[in-house]
Amino acid sequence: MKPQRISREQMTFWQLVFSQSKANGAPYNGETLPVHPWNWPADTYLERKLSSRPIVRERSLASN
């Protein structure tokens, strides 16, 4: 069976992603991209909620 050529307009998102991947021979410049330091957000709503609630596992182990 002869492979079919699909135009870029007909490709799905993931077909485009994989066709442009380094593993498939596409050029890749990820190693040369500028580095931007990034930190996780601190003192978020979720962190405050989690720290204010008792840990359920410890409570259930203490009752045994």
C-alpha atoms as a PDB file:
ATOM      1  CA  MET A   1       0.000   0.000   0.000  1.00  0.00           C
ATOM      2  CA  LYS A   2       1.335   3.402  -0.973  1.00  0.00           C
ATOM      3  CA  PRO A   3       1.544   6.015   1.830  1.00  0.00           C
ATOM      4  CA  GLN A   4      -0.812   8.939   1.343  1.00  0.00           C
ATOM      5  CA  ARG A   5       0.407  12.497   1.535  1.00  0.00           C
ATOM      6  CA  ILE A   6      -1.769  14.703   3.736  1.00  0.00           C
ATOM      7  CA  SER A   7      -1.548  18.467   3.471  1.00  0.00           C
ATOM      8  CA  ARG A   8      -0.873  20.457   6.634  1.00  0.00           C
ATOM      9  CA  GLU A   9      -4.381  21.906   6.473  1.00  0.00           C
ATOM     10  CA  GLN A  10      -5.889  18.412   6.721  1.00  0.00           C
ATOM     11  CA  MET A  11      -3.742  17.254   9.657  1.00  0.00           C
ATOM     12  CA  THR A  12      -5.139  17.085  13.165  1.00  0.00           C
ATOM     13  CA  PHE A  13      -3.421  19.006  15.944  1.00  0.00           C
ATOM     14  CA  TRP A  14      -1.530  15.943  17.206  1.00  0.00           C
ATOM     15  CA  GLN A  15      -0.472  14.911  13.710  1.00  0.00           C
ATOM     16  CA  LEU A  16       1.070  18.366  13.329  1.00  0.00           C
ATOM     17  CA  VAL A  17       2.792  18.108  16.711  1.00  0.00           C
ATOM     18  CA  PHE A  18       4.340  14.728  15.959  1.00  0.00           C
ATOM     19  CA  SER A  19       5.279  15.618  12.389  1.00  0.00           C
ATOM     20  CA  GLN A  20       7.255  18.572  13.753  1.00  0.00           C
ATOM     21  CA  SER A  21       8.979  16.636  16.540  1.00  0.00           C
ATOM     22  CA  LYS A  22      12.724  16.152  16.862  1.00  0.00           C
ATOM     23  CA  ALA A  23      12.227  12.365  16.870  1.00  0.00           C
ATOM     24  CA  ASN A  24      10.733  12.551  13.371  1.00  0.00           C
ATOM     25  CA  GLY A  25      13.644  14.535  11.947  1.00  0.00           C
ATOM     26  CA  ALA A  26      12.179  18.016  12.184  1.00  0.00           C
ATOM     27  CA  PRO A  27      14.561  20.830  13.148  1.00  0.00           C
ATOM     28  CA  TYR A  28      14.523  21.521  16.881  1.00  0.00           C
ATOM     29  CA  ASN A  29      16.009  24.505  18.695  1.00  0.00           C
ATOM     30  CA  GLY A  30      14.863  23.752  22.228  1.00  0.00           C
ATOM     31  CA  GLU A  31      18.417  23.613  23.535  1.00  0.00           C
ATOM     32  CA  THR A  32      19.061  27.151  22.316  1.00  0.00           C
ATOM     33  CA  LEU A  33      15.926  28.804  23.684  1.00  0.00           C
ATOM     34  CA  PRO A  34      16.517  31.534  26.268  1.00  0.00           C
ATOM     35  CA  VAL A  35      16.225  30.427  29.883  1.00  0.00           C
ATOM     36  CA  HIS A  36      13.663  32.217  32.014  1.00  0.00           C
ATOM     37  CA  PRO A  37      13.769  31.406  35.734  1.00  0.00           C
ATOM     38  CA  TRP A  38      10.355  30.593  37.117  1.00  0.00           C
ATOM     39  CA  ASN A  39       9.055  29.944  40.618  1.00  0.00           C
ATOM     40  CA  TRP A  40       5.865  28.274  41.693  1.00  0.00           C
ATOM     41  CA  PRO A  41       3.254  30.745  42.940  1.00  0.00           C
ATOM     42  CA  ALA A  42       3.403  31.172  46.711  1.00  0.00           C
ATOM     43  CA  ASP A  43       0.635  31.753  49.243  1.00  0.00           C
ATOM     44  CA  THR A  44      -2.139  30.665  46.890  1.00  0.00           C
ATOM     45  CA  TYR A  45      -5.728  29.999  47.916  1.00  0.00           C
ATOM     46  CA  LEU A  46      -5.221  26.243  47.577  1.00  0.00           C
ATOM     47  CA  GLU A  47      -2.084  26.259  49.748  1.00  0.00           C
ATOM     48  CA  ARG A  48      -3.911  28.226  52.460  1.00  0.00           C
ATOM     49  CA  LYS A  49      -6.899  25.855  52.379  1.00  0.00           C
ATOM     50  CA  LEU A  50      -4.700  22.762  52.528  1.00  0.00           C
ATOM     51  CA  SER A  51      -2.638  24.087  55.417  1.00  0.00           C
ATOM     52  CA  SER A  52      -5.741  25.059  57.420  1.00  0.00           C
ATOM     53  CA  ARG A  53      -7.345  21.582  57.201  1.00  0.00           C
ATOM     54  CA  PRO A  54      -6.203  18.680  59.383  1.00  0.00           C
ATOM     55  CA  ILE A  55      -4.717  15.759  57.518  1.00  0.00           C
ATOM     56  CA  VAL A  56      -7.416  13.086  57.301  1.00  0.00           C
ATOM     57  CA  ARG A  57      -4.978  10.190  57.161  1.00  0.00           C
ATOM     58  CA  GLU A  58      -3.377  11.066  60.501  1.00  0.00           C
ATOM     59  CA  ARG A  59      -6.780  11.442  62.119  1.00  0.00           C
ATOM     60  CA  SER A  60      -7.978   8.041  60.882  1.00  0.00           C
ATOM     61  CA  LEU A  61      -4.751   6.328  61.981  1.00  0.00           C
ATOM     62  CA  ALA A  62      -4.983   7.876  65.452  1.00  0.00           C
ATOM     63  CA  SER A  63      -8.489   6.476  65.982  1.00  0.00           C
ATOM     64  CA  ASN A  64      -7.352   2.863  65.354  1.00  0.00           C
END
